[in-house]
Amino acid sequence: MADVLIIGDGPAGLSAALFLAKNGQRVTVFGQDNTPMHKAMLYNYLGIPEMTGSEFQRVSRAQVQQQGGQIEDVEVTHAEKTDTGFAVTTANGDRVEGKYLVLSTGTNTKLAEGLNLEKKNKGIVADEDGRTSVKGLFAVGWNTRLIRTQAIISAGQGAATALEILSLEAGEDVHDFDVVE
């Protein structure tokens, strides 16, 4: 069983996965790398003077895997709440369980609807840490901001959600701040 299941491999999902994996969580990301980032050109992403979205995806996916995160190239067709957390079913019929679930599904809110999450015209309702009305279920990225979306905002939301999950697991506030040795 994974600690955290993440559906979606754009900036929000990969950012959450990176922070979680780096801090010892067992993370499984479900994403087929068909994000709109492949159409993007990054000029306004802090710390990156210029990069194509495809290069961003390649580097980000590699970072997650280098930290121990698992990326599954398969579509998730169903998600449900269980007694111990969440379970997702993939297009090939596999069922994977985890304690937490993070939805980072772009403009596709079908899985959120199946989990009875509240939606408004701006997307899935989630707080600043990605928490939804369902305990242990988080939503980040474009699916929470169907209007006014931006890759760097999505990545920040993913990081905030990761810190929230890490804090829940630790029972105290957690910060992710590395220093030069």
C-alpha atoms as a PDB file:
ATOM      1  CA  MET A   1       0.000   0.000   0.000  1.00  0.00           C
ATOM      2  CA  ALA A   2       1.285   3.449  -0.914  1.00  0.00           C
ATOM      3  CA  ASP A   3       1.192   6.297   1.562  1.00  0.00           C
ATOM      4  CA  VAL A   4      -0.023   8.728  -1.093  1.00  0.00           C
ATOM      5  CA  LEU A   5      -1.735   8.163  -4.436  1.00  0.00           C
ATOM      6  CA  ILE A   6      -1.545  11.069  -6.880  1.00  0.00           C
ATOM      7  CA  ILE A   7      -3.672  11.167  -9.994  1.00  0.00           C
ATOM      8  CA  GLY A   8      -2.122  13.499 -12.538  1.00  0.00           C
ATOM      9  CA  ASP A   9       1.441  14.248 -13.538  1.00  0.00           C
ATOM     10  CA  GLY A  10       1.421  17.949 -14.372  1.00  0.00           C
ATOM     11  CA  PRO A  11       3.192  20.575 -12.227  1.00  0.00           C
ATOM     12  CA  ALA A  12       0.856  20.188  -9.220  1.00  0.00           C
ATOM     13  CA  GLY A  13       0.945  16.400  -9.040  1.00  0.00           C
ATOM     14  CA  LEU A  14       4.675  16.122  -9.675  1.00  0.00           C
ATOM     15  CA  SER A  15       5.477  18.869  -7.162  1.00  0.00           C
ATOM     16  CA  ALA A  16       3.461  17.110  -4.467  1.00  0.00           C
ATOM     17  CA  ALA A  17       5.097  13.796  -5.373  1.00  0.00           C
ATOM     18  CA  LEU A  18       8.597  15.267  -5.243  1.00  0.00           C
ATOM     19  CA  PHE A  19       8.196  16.819  -1.782  1.00  0.00           C
ATOM     20  CA  LEU A  20       6.503  13.692  -0.411  1.00  0.00           C
ATOM     21  CA  ALA A  21       8.999  11.201  -1.850  1.00  0.00           C
ATOM     22  CA  LYS A  22      11.949  13.341  -0.769  1.00  0.00           C
ATOM     23  CA  ASN A  23      10.591  13.185   2.771  1.00  0.00           C
ATOM     24  CA  GLY A  24      10.194   9.417   2.925  1.00  0.00           C
ATOM     25  CA  GLN A  25       6.591   8.905   1.836  1.00  0.00           C
ATOM     26  CA  ARG A  26       5.764   6.037  -0.509  1.00  0.00           C
ATOM     27  CA  VAL A  27       4.208   7.847  -3.459  1.00  0.00           C
ATOM     28  CA  THR A  28       2.556   6.490  -6.577  1.00  0.00           C
ATOM     29  CA  VAL A  29       1.734   8.951  -9.360  1.00  0.00           C
ATOM     30  CA  PHE A  30      -0.699   7.916 -12.072  1.00  0.00           C
ATOM     31  CA  GLY A  31      -0.064   9.915 -15.229  1.00  0.00           C
ATOM     32  CA  GLN A  32       0.473   9.287 -18.891  1.00  0.00           C
ATOM     33  CA  ASP A  33       2.533  12.416 -19.540  1.00  0.00           C
ATOM     34  CA  ASN A  34      -0.121  13.897 -21.821  1.00  0.00           C
ATOM     35  CA  THR A  35      -0.445  17.115 -19.839  1.00  0.00           C
ATOM     36  CA  PRO A  36      -0.994  20.478 -21.579  1.00  0.00           C
ATOM     37  CA  MET A  37       2.506  21.360 -20.321  1.00  0.00           C
ATOM     38  CA  HIS A  38       3.785  19.869 -23.579  1.00  0.00           C
ATOM     39  CA  LYS A  39       2.293  22.901 -25.352  1.00  0.00           C
ATOM     40  CA  ALA A  40       3.811  25.382 -22.902  1.00  0.00           C
ATOM     41  CA  MET A  41       6.848  27.606 -23.079  1.00  0.00           C
ATOM     42  CA  LEU A  42       8.014  28.674 -19.623  1.00  0.00           C
ATOM     43  CA  TYR A  43       9.275  32.249 -19.431  1.00  0.00           C
ATOM     44  CA  ASN A  44       7.746  33.246 -16.122  1.00  0.00           C
ATOM     45  CA  TYR A  45       8.509  30.260 -13.916  1.00  0.00           C
ATOM     46  CA  LEU A  46      10.634  31.508 -11.027  1.00  0.00           C
ATOM     47  CA  GLY A  47      14.214  30.237 -11.300  1.00  0.00           C
ATOM     48  CA  ILE A  48      13.823  29.015 -14.874  1.00  0.00           C
ATOM     49  CA  PRO A  49      14.673  31.742 -17.395  1.00  0.00           C
ATOM     50  CA  GLU A  50      13.321  29.687 -20.308  1.00  0.00           C
ATOM     51  CA  MET A  51      12.264  26.072 -20.779  1.00  0.00           C
ATOM     52  CA  THR A  52       9.798  24.158 -22.893  1.00  0.00           C
ATOM     53  CA  GLY A  53       6.969  22.427 -21.083  1.00  0.00           C
ATOM     54  CA  SER A  54       8.160  19.101 -22.489  1.00  0.00           C
ATOM     55  CA  GLU A  55      11.608  19.606 -20.968  1.00  0.00           C
ATOM     56  CA  PHE A  56       9.973  20.636 -17.683  1.00  0.00           C
ATOM     57  CA  GLN A  57       7.966  17.405 -17.696  1.00  0.00           C
ATOM     58  CA  ARG A  58      11.031  15.268 -18.464  1.00  0.00           C
ATOM     59  CA  VAL A  59      13.099  16.865 -15.690  1.00  0.00           C
ATOM     60  CA  SER A  60      10.245  16.835 -13.159  1.00  0.00           C
ATOM     61  CA  ARG A  61       9.298  13.206 -13.740  1.00  0.00           C
ATOM     62  CA  ALA A  62      12.976  12.207 -13.400  1.00  0.00           C
ATOM     63  CA  GLN A  63      13.280  14.175 -10.124  1.00  0.00           C
ATOM     64  CA  VAL A  64      10.273  12.380  -8.632  1.00  0.00           C
ATOM     65  CA  GLN A  65      11.682   8.993  -9.598  1.00  0.00           C
ATOM     66  CA  GLN A  66      15.174   9.865  -8.314  1.00  0.00           C
ATOM     67  CA  GLN A  67      13.622  10.588  -4.913  1.00  0.00           C
ATOM     68  CA  GLY A  68      11.877   7.202  -4.895  1.00  0.00           C
ATOM     69  CA  GLY A  69       8.463   8.163  -6.227  1.00  0.00           C
ATOM     70  CA  GLN A  70       6.799   5.681  -8.542  1.00  0.00           C
ATOM     71  CA  ILE A  71       5.151   6.859 -11.767  1.00  0.00           C
ATOM     72  CA  GLU A  72       2.591   4.564 -13.363  1.00  0.00           C
ATOM     73  CA  ASP A  73       1.817   5.222 -17.024  1.00  0.00           C
ATOM     74  CA  VAL A  74      -1.839   4.228 -16.795  1.00  0.00           C
ATOM     75  CA  GLU A  75      -5.220   5.938 -16.626  1.00  0.00           C
ATOM     76  CA  VAL A  76      -7.213   5.827 -13.392  1.00  0.00           C
ATOM     77  CA  THR A  77     -10.843   5.004 -14.157  1.00  0.00           C
ATOM     78  CA  HIS A  78     -12.277   4.961 -10.627  1.00  0.00           C
ATOM     79  CA  ALA A  79     -11.410   6.299  -7.176  1.00  0.00           C
ATOM     80  CA  GLU A  80     -13.137   5.539  -3.901  1.00  0.00           C
ATOM     81  CA  LYS A  81     -12.899   6.134  -0.167  1.00  0.00           C
ATOM     82  CA  THR A  82     -12.120   3.010   1.864  1.00  0.00           C
ATOM     83  CA  ASP A  83     -11.911   2.241   5.578  1.00  0.00           C
ATOM     84  CA  THR A  84      -8.124   2.786   5.529  1.00  0.00           C
ATOM     85  CA  GLY A  85      -7.900   5.623   3.000  1.00  0.00           C
ATOM     86  CA  PHE A  86      -8.502   5.392  -0.720  1.00  0.00           C
ATOM     87  CA  ALA A  87      -8.385   2.952  -3.596  1.00  0.00           C
ATOM     88  CA  VAL A  88      -8.021   3.624  -7.292  1.00  0.00           C
ATOM     89  CA  THR A  89      -8.751   1.313 -10.163  1.00  0.00           C
ATOM     90  CA  THR A  90      -6.707   1.614 -13.327  1.00  0.00           C
ATOM     91  CA  ALA A  91      -7.728   1.066 -16.946  1.00  0.00           C
ATOM     92  CA  ASN A  92      -5.961  -2.307 -16.893  1.00  0.00           C
ATOM     93  CA  GLY A  93      -8.027  -3.421 -13.877  1.00  0.00           C
ATOM     94  CA  ASP A  94      -5.407  -3.043 -11.147  1.00  0.00           C
ATOM     95  CA  ARG A  95      -6.583  -1.775  -7.762  1.00  0.00           C
ATOM     96  CA  VAL A  96      -4.094   0.279  -5.744  1.00  0.00           C
ATOM     97  CA  GLU A  97      -4.671   1.528  -2.210  1.00  0.00           C
ATOM     98  CA  GLY A  98      -3.191   4.430  -0.282  1.00  0.00           C
ATOM     99  CA  LYS A  99      -3.754   6.408   2.868  1.00  0.00           C
ATOM    100  CA  TYR A 100      -4.111   9.759   1.059  1.00  0.00           C
ATOM    101  CA  LEU A 101      -5.348  10.689  -2.402  1.00  0.00           C
ATOM    102  CA  VAL A 102      -4.338  13.796  -4.343  1.00  0.00           C
ATOM    103  CA  LEU A 103      -6.351  14.769  -7.422  1.00  0.00           C
ATOM    104  CA  SER A 104      -4.345  16.750  -9.943  1.00  0.00           C
ATOM    105  CA  THR A 105      -6.409  15.972 -13.003  1.00  0.00           C
ATOM    106  CA  GLY A 106      -6.379  19.219 -14.950  1.00  0.00           C
ATOM    107  CA  THR A 107      -9.760  20.190 -16.299  1.00  0.00           C
ATOM    108  CA  ASN A 108     -11.109  16.650 -15.881  1.00  0.00           C
ATOM    109  CA  THR A 109     -13.171  16.584 -12.691  1.00  0.00           C
ATOM    110  CA  LYS A 110     -14.960  13.269 -13.331  1.00  0.00           C
ATOM    111  CA  LEU A 111     -13.145  11.422 -10.510  1.00  0.00           C
ATOM    112  CA  ALA A 112     -13.910  14.285  -8.117  1.00  0.00           C
ATOM    113  CA  GLU A 113     -17.584  14.045  -8.994  1.00  0.00           C
ATOM    114  CA  GLY A 114     -17.507  10.321  -8.243  1.00  0.00           C
ATOM    115  CA  LEU A 115     -16.062  11.138  -4.809  1.00  0.00           C
ATOM    116  CA  ASN A 116     -18.875  13.664  -4.224  1.00  0.00           C
ATOM    117  CA  LEU A 117     -16.562  16.650  -3.973  1.00  0.00           C
ATOM    118  CA  GLU A 118     -18.092  20.075  -4.102  1.00  0.00           C
ATOM    119  CA  LYS A 119     -17.442  21.998  -7.296  1.00  0.00           C
ATOM    120  CA  LYS A 120     -17.948  25.637  -8.115  1.00  0.00           C
ATOM    121  CA  ASN A 121     -17.395  27.499 -11.344  1.00  0.00           C
ATOM    122  CA  LYS A 122     -13.729  27.856 -10.425  1.00  0.00           C
ATOM    123  CA  GLY A 123     -13.245  24.105  -9.939  1.00  0.00           C
ATOM    124  CA  ILE A 124     -13.077  21.615  -7.093  1.00  0.00           C
ATOM    125  CA  VAL A 125     -13.461  23.295  -3.719  1.00  0.00           C
ATOM    126  CA  ALA A 126     -10.234  22.950  -1.722  1.00  0.00           C
ATOM    127  CA  ASP A 127      -8.494  25.138   0.837  1.00  0.00           C
ATOM    128  CA  GLU A 128      -5.001  26.667   0.550  1.00  0.00           C
ATOM    129  CA  ASP A 129      -3.442  23.331   1.555  1.00  0.00           C
ATOM    130  CA  GLY A 130      -5.482  21.359  -0.988  1.00  0.00           C
ATOM    131  CA  ARG A 131      -7.831  19.858   1.633  1.00  0.00           C
ATOM    132  CA  THR A 132     -11.298  18.983   0.394  1.00  0.00           C
ATOM    133  CA  SER A 133     -14.427  18.152   2.380  1.00  0.00           C
ATOM    134  CA  VAL A 134     -13.322  14.485   2.447  1.00  0.00           C
ATOM    135  CA  LYS A 135     -10.651  13.706   5.057  1.00  0.00           C
ATOM    136  CA  GLY A 136      -7.401  12.604   3.409  1.00  0.00           C
ATOM    137  CA  LEU A 137      -8.524  13.701  -0.065  1.00  0.00           C
ATOM    138  CA  PHE A 138      -6.737  16.654  -1.631  1.00  0.00           C
ATOM    139  CA  ALA A 139      -7.210  18.561  -4.879  1.00  0.00           C
ATOM    140  CA  VAL A 140      -4.521  20.722  -6.483  1.00  0.00           C
ATOM    141  CA  GLY A 141      -3.710  22.479  -9.707  1.00  0.00           C
ATOM    142  CA  TRP A 142      -5.888  23.289 -12.644  1.00  0.00           C
ATOM    143  CA  ASN A 143      -8.867  21.291 -11.340  1.00  0.00           C
ATOM    144  CA  THR A 144      -9.172  23.784  -8.450  1.00  0.00           C
ATOM    145  CA  ARG A 145      -8.652  26.820 -10.691  1.00  0.00           C
ATOM    146  CA  LEU A 146     -10.510  26.157 -13.915  1.00  0.00           C
ATOM    147  CA  ILE A 147     -10.049  29.852 -14.645  1.00  0.00           C
ATOM    148  CA  ARG A 148      -6.830  31.776 -14.082  1.00  0.00           C
ATOM    149  CA  THR A 149      -4.532  28.771 -14.127  1.00  0.00           C
ATOM    150  CA  GLN A 150      -0.737  29.011 -14.160  1.00  0.00           C
ATOM    151  CA  ALA A 151       1.896  26.260 -13.920  1.00  0.00           C
ATOM    152  CA  ILE A 152       3.849  27.867 -11.083  1.00  0.00           C
ATOM    153  CA  ILE A 153       0.667  28.311  -9.026  1.00  0.00           C
ATOM    154  CA  SER A 154      -0.150  24.657  -9.579  1.00  0.00           C
ATOM    155  CA  ALA A 155       3.341  23.579  -8.492  1.00  0.00           C
ATOM    156  CA  GLY A 156       3.010  25.718  -5.367  1.00  0.00           C
ATOM    157  CA  GLN A 157      -0.332  24.116  -4.562  1.00  0.00           C
ATOM    158  CA  GLY A 158       1.260  20.683  -4.918  1.00  0.00           C
ATOM    159  CA  ALA A 159       4.050  21.675  -2.534  1.00  0.00           C
ATOM    160  CA  ALA A 160       1.563  23.081   0.013  1.00  0.00           C
ATOM    161  CA  THR A 161      -0.442  19.869  -0.093  1.00  0.00           C
ATOM    162  CA  ALA A 162       2.698  17.779   0.379  1.00  0.00           C
ATOM    163  CA  LEU A 163       3.632  19.809   3.458  1.00  0.00           C
ATOM    164  CA  GLU A 164       0.101  19.350   4.813  1.00  0.00           C
ATOM    165  CA  ILE A 165       0.302  15.573   4.385  1.00  0.00           C
ATOM    166  CA  LEU A 166       3.796  15.471   5.908  1.00  0.00           C
ATOM    167  CA  SER A 167       2.526  17.531   8.855  1.00  0.00           C
ATOM    168  CA  LEU A 168      -0.450  15.217   9.356  1.00  0.00           C
ATOM    169  CA  GLU A 169       1.891  12.228   9.385  1.00  0.00           C
ATOM    170  CA  ALA A 170       4.338  13.883  11.798  1.00  0.00           C
ATOM    171  CA  GLY A 171       1.635  15.239  14.109  1.00  0.00           C
ATOM    172  CA  GLU A 172       3.265  18.674  13.931  1.00  0.00           C
ATOM    173  CA  ASP A 173       4.059  21.343  11.367  1.00  0.00           C
ATOM    174  CA  VAL A 174       6.704  20.239   8.890  1.00  0.00           C
ATOM    175  CA  HIS A 175       8.917  22.492   6.818  1.00  0.00           C
ATOM    176  CA  ASP A 176      10.927  21.434   3.792  1.00  0.00           C
ATOM    177  CA  PHE A 177      13.950  23.705   3.761  1.00  0.00           C
ATOM    178  CA  ASP A 178      17.298  22.324   2.672  1.00  0.00           C
ATOM    179  CA  VAL A 179      20.528  24.141   3.454  1.00  0.00           C
ATOM    180  CA  VAL A 180      23.920  24.259   1.825  1.00  0.00           C
ATOM    181  CA  GLU A 181      26.357  22.023   3.694  1.00  0.00           C
END
